[in-house]
Amino acid sequence: MPWDFARHFADGLYRASAEAAAARGRLILGERVRTLRSERGESQRGLAARAGVDRVSIARIEAGHQLPRYRTMVALAEALGVPLDRLLVG
């Protein structure tokens, strides 16, 4: 069992810190998607259709409530016309 997995459940401070870091990461990714989409004048519905995902998923990603799967990130990058690393790295 990985130590961080066990620590997540045994150490409340570590859990809070890890969850806060994950939330920040989701917000940052969502902001990048929103910014790239807005720069192109694209609606959430249009981006969703071009990426082959649901519009609600786009809204949840942009709000930082959902972390997309790898395939979804690849599809979003392709639909936005950017390399995948542009979504992942600022």
PDB file of N, CA and C in Angstrom:
ATOM      1  N   MET A   1       0.845  -1.168   0.000  1.00  0.00           N
ATOM      2  CA  MET A   1       0.000   0.000   0.000  1.00  0.00           C
ATOM      3  C   MET A   1       0.898   1.240   0.000  1.00  0.00           C
ATOM      4  N   PRO A   2       0.672   2.182  -0.912  1.00  0.00           N
ATOM      5  CA  PRO A   2       1.487   3.405  -0.944  1.00  0.00           C
ATOM      6  C   PRO A   2       1.332   4.197   0.353  1.00  0.00           C
ATOM      7  N   TRP A   3       2.407   4.798   0.806  1.00  0.00           N
ATOM      8  CA  TRP A   3       2.393   5.530   2.072  1.00  0.00           C
ATOM      9  C   TRP A   3       1.428   6.696   2.032  1.00  0.00           C
ATOM     10  N   ASP A   4       1.328   7.405   0.890  1.00  0.00           N
ATOM     11  CA  ASP A   4       0.447   8.566   0.850  1.00  0.00           C
ATOM     12  C   ASP A   4      -1.020   8.160   0.889  1.00  0.00           C
ATOM     13  N   PHE A   5      -1.331   6.976   0.395  1.00  0.00           N
ATOM     14  CA  PHE A   5      -2.697   6.470   0.480  1.00  0.00           C
ATOM     15  C   PHE A   5      -3.071   6.247   1.943  1.00  0.00           C
ATOM     16  N   ALA A   6      -2.190   5.574   2.668  1.00  0.00           N
ATOM     17  CA  ALA A   6      -2.440   5.319   4.087  1.00  0.00           C
ATOM     18  C   ALA A   6      -2.457   6.619   4.882  1.00  0.00           C
ATOM     19  N   ARG A   7      -1.535   7.509   4.573  1.00  0.00           N
ATOM     20  CA  ARG A   7      -1.454   8.779   5.306  1.00  0.00           C
ATOM     21  C   ARG A   7      -2.699   9.622   5.085  1.00  0.00           C
ATOM     22  N   HIS A   8      -3.248   9.565   3.886  1.00  0.00           N
ATOM     23  CA  HIS A   8      -4.457  10.323   3.571  1.00  0.00           C
ATOM     24  C   HIS A   8      -5.584   9.983   4.551  1.00  0.00           C
ATOM     25  N   PHE A   9      -5.684   8.721   4.926  1.00  0.00           N
ATOM     26  CA  PHE A   9      -6.750   8.286   5.823  1.00  0.00           C
ATOM     27  C   PHE A   9      -6.373   8.397   7.292  1.00  0.00           C
ATOM     28  N   ALA A  10      -5.082   8.383   7.600  1.00  0.00           N
ATOM     29  CA  ALA A  10      -4.651   8.386   8.991  1.00  0.00           C
ATOM     30  C   ALA A  10      -4.332   9.786   9.514  1.00  0.00           C
ATOM     31  N   ASP A  11      -3.978  10.707   8.641  1.00  0.00           N
ATOM     32  CA  ASP A  11      -3.526  12.036   9.057  1.00  0.00           C
ATOM     33  C   ASP A  11      -4.480  13.084   8.500  1.00  0.00           C
ATOM     34  N   GLY A  12      -5.308  13.650   9.347  1.00  0.00           N
ATOM     35  CA  GLY A  12      -6.299  14.636   8.920  1.00  0.00           C
ATOM     36  C   GLY A  12      -5.691  15.873   8.290  1.00  0.00           C
ATOM     37  N   LEU A  13      -4.546  16.325   8.790  1.00  0.00           N
ATOM     38  CA  LEU A  13      -3.897  17.506   8.214  1.00  0.00           C
ATOM     39  C   LEU A  13      -3.392  17.223   6.807  1.00  0.00           C
ATOM     40  N   TYR A  14      -2.811  16.043   6.619  1.00  0.00           N
ATOM     41  CA  TYR A  14      -2.341  15.668   5.292  1.00  0.00           C
ATOM     42  C   TYR A  14      -3.515  15.582   4.328  1.00  0.00           C
ATOM     43  N   ARG A  15      -4.606  14.985   4.765  1.00  0.00           N
ATOM     44  CA  ARG A  15      -5.793  14.836   3.916  1.00  0.00           C
ATOM     45  C   ARG A  15      -6.300  16.208   3.483  1.00  0.00           C
ATOM     46  N   ALA A  16      -6.410  17.137   4.433  1.00  0.00           N
ATOM     47  CA  ALA A  16      -6.890  18.478   4.112  1.00  0.00           C
ATOM     48  C   ALA A  16      -5.957  19.166   3.124  1.00  0.00           C
ATOM     49  N   SER A  17      -4.664  19.015   3.334  1.00  0.00           N
ATOM     50  CA  SER A  17      -3.680  19.622   2.438  1.00  0.00           C
ATOM     51  C   SER A  17      -3.756  19.017   1.037  1.00  0.00           C
ATOM     52  N   ALA A  18      -3.871  17.709   0.959  1.00  0.00           N
ATOM     53  CA  ALA A  18      -3.947  17.034  -0.345  1.00  0.00           C
ATOM     54  C   ALA A  18      -5.232  17.409  -1.076  1.00  0.00           C
ATOM     55  N   GLU A  19      -6.333  17.482  -0.360  1.00  0.00           N
ATOM     56  CA  GLU A  19      -7.597  17.844  -0.989  1.00  0.00           C
ATOM     57  C   GLU A  19      -7.596  19.293  -1.452  1.00  0.00           C
ATOM     58  N   ALA A  20      -6.963  20.187  -0.682  1.00  0.00           N
ATOM     59  CA  ALA A  20      -6.861  21.589  -1.092  1.00  0.00           C
ATOM     60  C   ALA A  20      -6.002  21.718  -2.352  1.00  0.00           C
ATOM     61  N   ALA A  21      -4.913  20.978  -2.424  1.00  0.00           N
ATOM     62  CA  ALA A  21      -4.053  21.009  -3.612  1.00  0.00           C
ATOM     63  C   ALA A  21      -4.808  20.488  -4.833  1.00  0.00           C
ATOM     64  N   ALA A  22      -5.590  19.430  -4.656  1.00  0.00           N
ATOM     65  CA  ALA A  22      -6.378  18.886  -5.772  1.00  0.00           C
ATOM     66  C   ALA A  22      -7.412  19.887  -6.233  1.00  0.00           C
ATOM     67  N   ALA A  23      -8.057  20.578  -5.298  1.00  0.00           N
ATOM     68  CA  ALA A  23      -9.068  21.581  -5.652  1.00  0.00           C
ATOM     69  C   ALA A  23      -8.428  22.738  -6.428  1.00  0.00           C
ATOM     70  N   ARG A  24      -7.238  23.181  -5.985  1.00  0.00           N
ATOM     71  CA  ARG A  24      -6.535  24.251  -6.711  1.00  0.00           C
ATOM     72  C   ARG A  24      -6.209  23.811  -8.129  1.00  0.00           C
ATOM     73  N   GLY A  25      -5.761  22.560  -8.278  1.00  0.00           N
ATOM     74  CA  GLY A  25      -5.445  22.043  -9.606  1.00  0.00           C
ATOM     75  C   GLY A  25      -6.660  22.010 -10.516  1.00  0.00           C
ATOM     76  N   ARG A  26      -7.811  21.590  -9.980  1.00  0.00           N
ATOM     77  CA  ARG A  26      -9.046  21.576 -10.784  1.00  0.00           C
ATOM     78  C   ARG A  26      -9.436  22.984 -11.195  1.00  0.00           C
ATOM     79  N   LEU A  27      -9.301  23.956 -10.284  1.00  0.00           N
ATOM     80  CA  LEU A  27      -9.650  25.340 -10.614  1.00  0.00           C
ATOM     81  C   LEU A  27      -8.731  25.914 -11.687  1.00  0.00           C
ATOM     82  N   ILE A  28      -7.443  25.625 -11.572  1.00  0.00           N
ATOM     83  CA  ILE A  28      -6.478  26.128 -12.551  1.00  0.00           C
ATOM     84  C   ILE A  28      -6.768  25.544 -13.934  1.00  0.00           C
ATOM     85  N   LEU A  29      -7.000  24.237 -13.991  1.00  0.00           N
ATOM     86  CA  LEU A  29      -7.317  23.601 -15.269  1.00  0.00           C
ATOM     87  C   LEU A  29      -8.602  24.181 -15.847  1.00  0.00           C
ATOM     88  N   GLY A  30      -9.615  24.347 -15.014  1.00  0.00           N
ATOM     89  CA  GLY A  30     -10.883  24.912 -15.477  1.00  0.00           C
ATOM     90  C   GLY A  30     -10.723  26.308 -16.025  1.00  0.00           C
ATOM     91  N   GLU A  31      -9.906  27.112 -15.367  1.00  0.00           N
ATOM     92  CA  GLU A  31      -9.668  28.477 -15.843  1.00  0.00           C
ATOM     93  C   GLU A  31      -8.947  28.464 -17.187  1.00  0.00           C
ATOM     94  N   ARG A  32      -8.003  27.548 -17.364  1.00  0.00           N
ATOM     95  CA  ARG A  32      -7.307  27.453 -18.657  1.00  0.00           C
ATOM     96  C   ARG A  32      -8.271  27.081 -19.771  1.00  0.00           C
ATOM     97  N   VAL A  33      -9.136  26.109 -19.505  1.00  0.00           N
ATOM     98  CA  VAL A  33     -10.123  25.707 -20.522  1.00  0.00           C
ATOM     99  C   VAL A  33     -11.028  26.883 -20.848  1.00  0.00           C
ATOM    100  N   ARG A  34     -11.530  27.582 -19.820  1.00  0.00           N
ATOM    101  CA  ARG A  34     -12.420  28.723 -20.040  1.00  0.00           C
ATOM    102  C   ARG A  34     -11.720  29.831 -20.832  1.00  0.00           C
ATOM    103  N   THR A  35     -10.479  30.126 -20.469  1.00  0.00           N
ATOM    104  CA  THR A  35      -9.732  31.183 -21.153  1.00  0.00           C
ATOM    105  C   THR A  35      -9.511  30.827 -22.619  1.00  0.00           C
ATOM    106  N   LEU A  36      -9.054  29.618 -22.888  1.00  0.00           N
ATOM    107  CA  LEU A  36      -8.812  29.201 -24.275  1.00  0.00           C
ATOM    108  C   LEU A  36     -10.107  29.201 -25.083  1.00  0.00           C
ATOM    109  N   ARG A  37     -11.184  28.739 -24.464  1.00  0.00           N
ATOM    110  CA  ARG A  37     -12.484  28.712 -25.147  1.00  0.00           C
ATOM    111  C   ARG A  37     -12.947  30.135 -25.448  1.00  0.00           C
ATOM    112  N   SER A  38     -12.815  31.027 -24.482  1.00  0.00           N
ATOM    113  CA  SER A  38     -13.248  32.414 -24.661  1.00  0.00           C
ATOM    114  C   SER A  38     -12.410  33.137 -25.706  1.00  0.00           C
ATOM    115  N   GLU A  39     -11.099  32.880 -25.724  1.00  0.00           N
ATOM    116  CA  GLU A  39     -10.220  33.496 -26.723  1.00  0.00           C
ATOM    117  C   GLU A  39     -10.652  33.148 -28.140  1.00  0.00           C
ATOM    118  N   ARG A  40     -11.251  31.997 -28.300  1.00  0.00           N
ATOM    119  CA  ARG A  40     -11.690  31.544 -29.621  1.00  0.00           C
ATOM    120  C   ARG A  40     -13.148  31.912 -29.896  1.00  0.00           C
ATOM    121  N   GLY A  41     -13.792  32.578 -28.940  1.00  0.00           N
ATOM    122  CA  GLY A  41     -15.184  32.962 -29.117  1.00  0.00           C
ATOM    123  C   GLY A  41     -16.124  31.769 -29.155  1.00  0.00           C
ATOM    124  N   GLU A  42     -15.732  30.708 -28.503  1.00  0.00           N
ATOM    125  CA  GLU A  42     -16.476  29.456 -28.530  1.00  0.00           C
ATOM    126  C   GLU A  42     -17.406  29.377 -27.323  1.00  0.00           C
ATOM    127  N   SER A  43     -18.579  28.842 -27.517  1.00  0.00           N
ATOM    128  CA  SER A  43     -19.501  28.607 -26.402  1.00  0.00           C
ATOM    129  C   SER A  43     -19.177  27.255 -25.768  1.00  0.00           C
ATOM    130  N   GLN A  44     -19.685  27.045 -24.571  1.00  0.00           N
ATOM    131  CA  GLN A  44     -19.516  25.742 -23.938  1.00  0.00           C
ATOM    132  C   GLN A  44     -20.164  24.663 -24.789  1.00  0.00           C
ATOM    133  N   ARG A  45     -21.320  24.957 -25.324  1.00  0.00           N
ATOM    134  CA  ARG A  45     -22.030  23.985 -26.156  1.00  0.00           C
ATOM    135  C   ARG A  45     -21.217  23.647 -27.410  1.00  0.00           C
ATOM    136  N   GLY A  46     -20.628  24.654 -28.041  1.00  0.00           N
ATOM    137  CA  GLY A  46     -19.822  24.411 -29.236  1.00  0.00           C
ATOM    138  C   GLY A  46     -18.583  23.593 -28.942  1.00  0.00           C
ATOM    139  N   LEU A  47     -17.893  23.939 -27.847  1.00  0.00           N
ATOM    140  CA  LEU A  47     -16.704  23.178 -27.467  1.00  0.00           C
ATOM    141  C   LEU A  47     -17.076  21.733 -27.134  1.00  0.00           C
ATOM    142  N   ALA A  48     -18.169  21.568 -26.416  1.00  0.00           N
ATOM    143  CA  ALA A  48     -18.610  20.217 -26.053  1.00  0.00           C
ATOM    144  C   ALA A  48     -18.887  19.389 -27.300  1.00  0.00           C
ATOM    145  N   ALA A  49     -19.547  19.980 -28.272  1.00  0.00           N
ATOM    146  CA  ALA A  49     -19.870  19.250 -29.502  1.00  0.00           C
ATOM    147  C   ALA A  49     -18.595  18.873 -30.254  1.00  0.00           C
ATOM    148  N   ARG A  50     -17.646  19.798 -30.340  1.00  0.00           N
ATOM    149  CA  ARG A  50     -16.411  19.513 -31.088  1.00  0.00           C
ATOM    150  C   ARG A  50     -15.525  18.508 -30.356  1.00  0.00           C
ATOM    151  N   ALA A  51     -15.588  18.494 -29.012  1.00  0.00           N
ATOM    152  CA  ALA A  51     -14.767  17.561 -28.235  1.00  0.00           C
ATOM    153  C   ALA A  51     -15.475  16.228 -28.004  1.00  0.00           C
ATOM    154  N   GLY A  52     -16.766  16.183 -28.300  1.00  0.00           N
ATOM    155  CA  GLY A  52     -17.508  14.944 -28.104  1.00  0.00           C
ATOM    156  C   GLY A  52     -17.837  14.644 -26.649  1.00  0.00           C
ATOM    157  N   VAL A  53     -18.041  15.707 -25.865  1.00  0.00           N
ATOM    158  CA  VAL A  53     -18.425  15.544 -24.457  1.00  0.00           C
ATOM    159  C   VAL A  53     -19.702  16.334 -24.199  1.00  0.00           C
ATOM    160  N   ASP A  54     -20.283  16.120 -23.051  1.00  0.00           N
ATOM    161  CA  ASP A  54     -21.509  16.800 -22.671  1.00  0.00           C
ATOM    162  C   ASP A  54     -21.216  18.243 -22.245  1.00  0.00           C
ATOM    163  N   ARG A  55     -22.120  19.181 -22.559  1.00  0.00           N
ATOM    164  CA  ARG A  55     -21.932  20.579 -22.180  1.00  0.00           C
ATOM    165  C   ARG A  55     -21.834  20.736 -20.666  1.00  0.00           C
ATOM    166  N   VAL A  56     -22.593  19.946 -19.927  1.00  0.00           N
ATOM    167  CA  VAL A  56     -22.543  20.020 -18.468  1.00  0.00           C
ATOM    168  C   VAL A  56     -21.148  19.646 -17.968  1.00  0.00           C
ATOM    169  N   SER A  57     -20.502  18.714 -18.634  1.00  0.00           N
ATOM    170  CA  SER A  57     -19.132  18.351 -18.257  1.00  0.00           C
ATOM    171  C   SER A  57     -18.195  19.531 -18.451  1.00  0.00           C
ATOM    172  N   ILE A  58     -18.355  20.260 -19.547  1.00  0.00           N
ATOM    173  CA  ILE A  58     -17.529  21.450 -19.787  1.00  0.00           C
ATOM    174  C   ILE A  58     -17.762  22.463 -18.671  1.00  0.00           C
ATOM    175  N   ALA A  59     -19.009  22.702 -18.305  1.00  0.00           N
ATOM    176  CA  ALA A  59     -19.329  23.655 -17.242  1.00  0.00           C
ATOM    177  C   ALA A  59     -18.705  23.216 -15.917  1.00  0.00           C
ATOM    178  N   ARG A  60     -18.784  21.934 -15.601  1.00  0.00           N
ATOM    179  CA  ARG A  60     -18.226  21.423 -14.350  1.00  0.00           C
ATOM    180  C   ARG A  60     -16.690  21.497 -14.350  1.00  0.00           C
ATOM    181  N   ILE A  61     -16.073  21.235 -15.480  1.00  0.00           N
ATOM    182  CA  ILE A  61     -14.613  21.340 -15.588  1.00  0.00           C
ATOM    183  C   ILE A  61     -14.190  22.790 -15.393  1.00  0.00           C
ATOM    184  N   GLU A  62     -14.863  23.702 -16.087  1.00  0.00           N
ATOM    185  CA  GLU A  62     -14.506  25.114 -15.986  1.00  0.00           C
ATOM    186  C   GLU A  62     -14.721  25.665 -14.584  1.00  0.00           C
ATOM    187  N   ALA A  63     -15.697  25.149 -13.860  1.00  0.00           N
ATOM    188  CA  ALA A  63     -15.971  25.601 -12.494  1.00  0.00           C
ATOM    189  C   ALA A  63     -15.044  24.946 -11.472  1.00  0.00           C
ATOM    190  N   GLY A  64     -14.263  23.969 -11.904  1.00  0.00           N
ATOM    191  CA  GLY A  64     -13.356  23.279 -10.994  1.00  0.00           C
ATOM    192  C   GLY A  64     -14.022  22.199 -10.174  1.00  0.00           C
ATOM    193  N   HIS A  65     -15.210  21.779 -10.578  1.00  0.00           N
ATOM    194  CA  HIS A  65     -15.930  20.734  -9.850  1.00  0.00           C
ATOM    195  C   HIS A  65     -15.614  19.336 -10.358  1.00  0.00           C
ATOM    196  N   GLN A  66     -14.996  19.251 -11.528  1.00  0.00           N
ATOM    197  CA  GLN A  66     -14.746  17.947 -12.144  1.00  0.00           C
ATOM    198  C   GLN A  66     -13.372  17.955 -12.787  1.00  0.00           C
ATOM    199  N   LEU A  67     -12.622  16.915 -12.545  1.00  0.00           N
ATOM    200  CA  LEU A  67     -11.337  16.731 -13.215  1.00  0.00           C
ATOM    201  C   LEU A  67     -11.574  15.767 -14.368  1.00  0.00           C
ATOM    202  N   PRO A  68     -11.302  16.202 -15.596  1.00  0.00           N
ATOM    203  CA  PRO A  68     -11.585  15.326 -16.732  1.00  0.00           C
ATOM    204  C   PRO A  68     -10.624  14.157 -16.800  1.00  0.00           C
ATOM    205  N   ARG A  69     -11.095  13.081 -17.395  1.00  0.00           N
ATOM    206  CA  ARG A  69     -10.230  11.941 -17.668  1.00  0.00           C
ATOM    207  C   ARG A  69      -9.243  12.319 -18.764  1.00  0.00           C
ATOM    208  N   TYR A  70      -8.214  11.501 -18.904  1.00  0.00           N
ATOM    209  CA  TYR A  70      -7.165  11.782 -19.893  1.00  0.00           C
ATOM    210  C   TYR A  70      -7.751  11.922 -21.301  1.00  0.00           C
ATOM    211  N   ARG A  71      -8.610  10.996 -21.694  1.00  0.00           N
ATOM    212  CA  ARG A  71      -9.197  11.057 -23.043  1.00  0.00           C
ATOM    213  C   ARG A  71      -9.970  12.350 -23.261  1.00  0.00           C
ATOM    214  N   THR A  72     -10.664  12.792 -22.228  1.00  0.00           N
ATOM    215  CA  THR A  72     -11.418  14.045 -22.331  1.00  0.00           C
ATOM    216  C   THR A  72     -10.472  15.225 -22.473  1.00  0.00           C
ATOM    217  N   MET A  73      -9.365  15.225 -21.728  1.00  0.00           N
ATOM    218  CA  MET A  73      -8.395  16.316 -21.856  1.00  0.00           C
ATOM    219  C   MET A  73      -7.789  16.345 -23.255  1.00  0.00           C
ATOM    220  N   VAL A  74      -7.486  15.182 -23.802  1.00  0.00           N
ATOM    221  CA  VAL A  74      -6.952  15.116 -25.171  1.00  0.00           C
ATOM    222  C   VAL A  74      -7.981  15.672 -26.146  1.00  0.00           C
ATOM    223  N   ALA A  75      -9.240  15.286 -26.002  1.00  0.00           N
ATOM    224  CA  ALA A  75     -10.299  15.761 -26.889  1.00  0.00           C
ATOM    225  C   ALA A  75     -10.489  17.272 -26.753  1.00  0.00           C
ATOM    226  N   LEU A  76     -10.420  17.793 -25.535  1.00  0.00           N
ATOM    227  CA  LEU A  76     -10.550  19.240 -25.335  1.00  0.00           C
ATOM    228  C   LEU A  76      -9.390  19.987 -25.980  1.00  0.00           C
ATOM    229  N   ALA A  77      -8.178  19.481 -25.797  1.00  0.00           N
ATOM    230  CA  ALA A  77      -7.011  20.127 -26.403  1.00  0.00           C
ATOM    231  C   ALA A  77      -7.145  20.149 -27.921  1.00  0.00           C
ATOM    232  N   GLU A  78      -7.568  19.035 -28.511  1.00  0.00           N
ATOM    233  CA  GLU A  78      -7.742  18.986 -29.963  1.00  0.00           C
ATOM    234  C   GLU A  78      -8.831  19.952 -30.408  1.00  0.00           C
ATOM    235  N   ALA A  79      -9.950  19.988 -29.686  1.00  0.00           N
ATOM    236  CA  ALA A  79     -11.050  20.881 -30.050  1.00  0.00           C
ATOM    237  C   ALA A  79     -10.650  22.341 -29.903  1.00  0.00           C
ATOM    238  N   LEU A  80      -9.770  22.637 -28.958  1.00  0.00           N
ATOM    239  CA  LEU A  80      -9.308  24.013 -28.750  1.00  0.00           C
ATOM    240  C   LEU A  80      -8.122  24.364 -29.646  1.00  0.00           C
ATOM    241  N   GLY A  81      -7.558  23.363 -30.320  1.00  0.00           N
ATOM    242  CA  GLY A  81      -6.441  23.600 -31.220  1.00  0.00           C
ATOM    243  C   GLY A  81      -5.135  23.908 -30.517  1.00  0.00           C
ATOM    244  N   VAL A  82      -4.947  23.289 -29.343  1.00  0.00           N
ATOM    245  CA  VAL A  82      -3.711  23.503 -28.589  1.00  0.00           C
ATOM    246  C   VAL A  82      -3.119  22.152 -28.213  1.00  0.00           C
ATOM    247  N   PRO A  83      -1.809  22.101 -27.974  1.00  0.00           N
ATOM    248  CA  PRO A  83      -1.228  20.847 -27.489  1.00  0.00           C
ATOM    249  C   PRO A  83      -1.713  20.567 -26.071  1.00  0.00           C
ATOM    250  N   LEU A  84      -1.755  19.316 -25.701  1.00  0.00           N
ATOM    251  CA  LEU A  84      -2.254  18.909 -24.390  1.00  0.00           C
ATOM    252  C   LEU A  84      -1.477  19.595 -23.263  1.00  0.00           C
ATOM    253  N   ASP A  85      -0.169  19.764 -23.430  1.00  0.00           N
ATOM    254  CA  ASP A  85       0.599  20.378 -22.348  1.00  0.00           C
ATOM    255  C   ASP A  85       0.182  21.813 -22.066  1.00  0.00           C
ATOM    256  N   ARG A  86      -0.435  22.494 -23.022  1.00  0.00           N
ATOM    257  CA  ARG A  86      -0.915  23.857 -22.788  1.00  0.00           C
ATOM    258  C   ARG A  86      -2.079  23.844 -21.794  1.00  0.00           C
ATOM    259  N   LEU A  87      -2.871  22.778 -21.766  1.00  0.00           N
ATOM    260  CA  LEU A  87      -3.935  22.666 -20.776  1.00  0.00           C
ATOM    261  C   LEU A  87      -3.354  22.332 -19.399  1.00  0.00           C
ATOM    262  N   LEU A  88      -2.299  21.539 -19.375  1.00  0.00           N
ATOM    263  CA  LEU A  88      -1.769  21.039 -18.115  1.00  0.00           C
ATOM    264  C   LEU A  88      -0.761  21.980 -17.472  1.00  0.00           C
ATOM    265  N   VAL A  89      -0.039  22.757 -18.262  1.00  0.00           N
ATOM    266  CA  VAL A  89       1.004  23.627 -17.746  1.00  0.00           C
ATOM    267  C   VAL A  89       0.707  25.050 -18.190  1.00  0.00           C
ATOM    268  N   GLY A  90       0.783  25.970 -17.240  1.00  0.00           N
ATOM    269  CA  GLY A  90       0.424  27.359 -17.515  1.00  0.00           C
ATOM    270  C   GLY A  90       1.369  28.107 -18.401  1.00  0.00           C
TER     271      GLY A  90
END
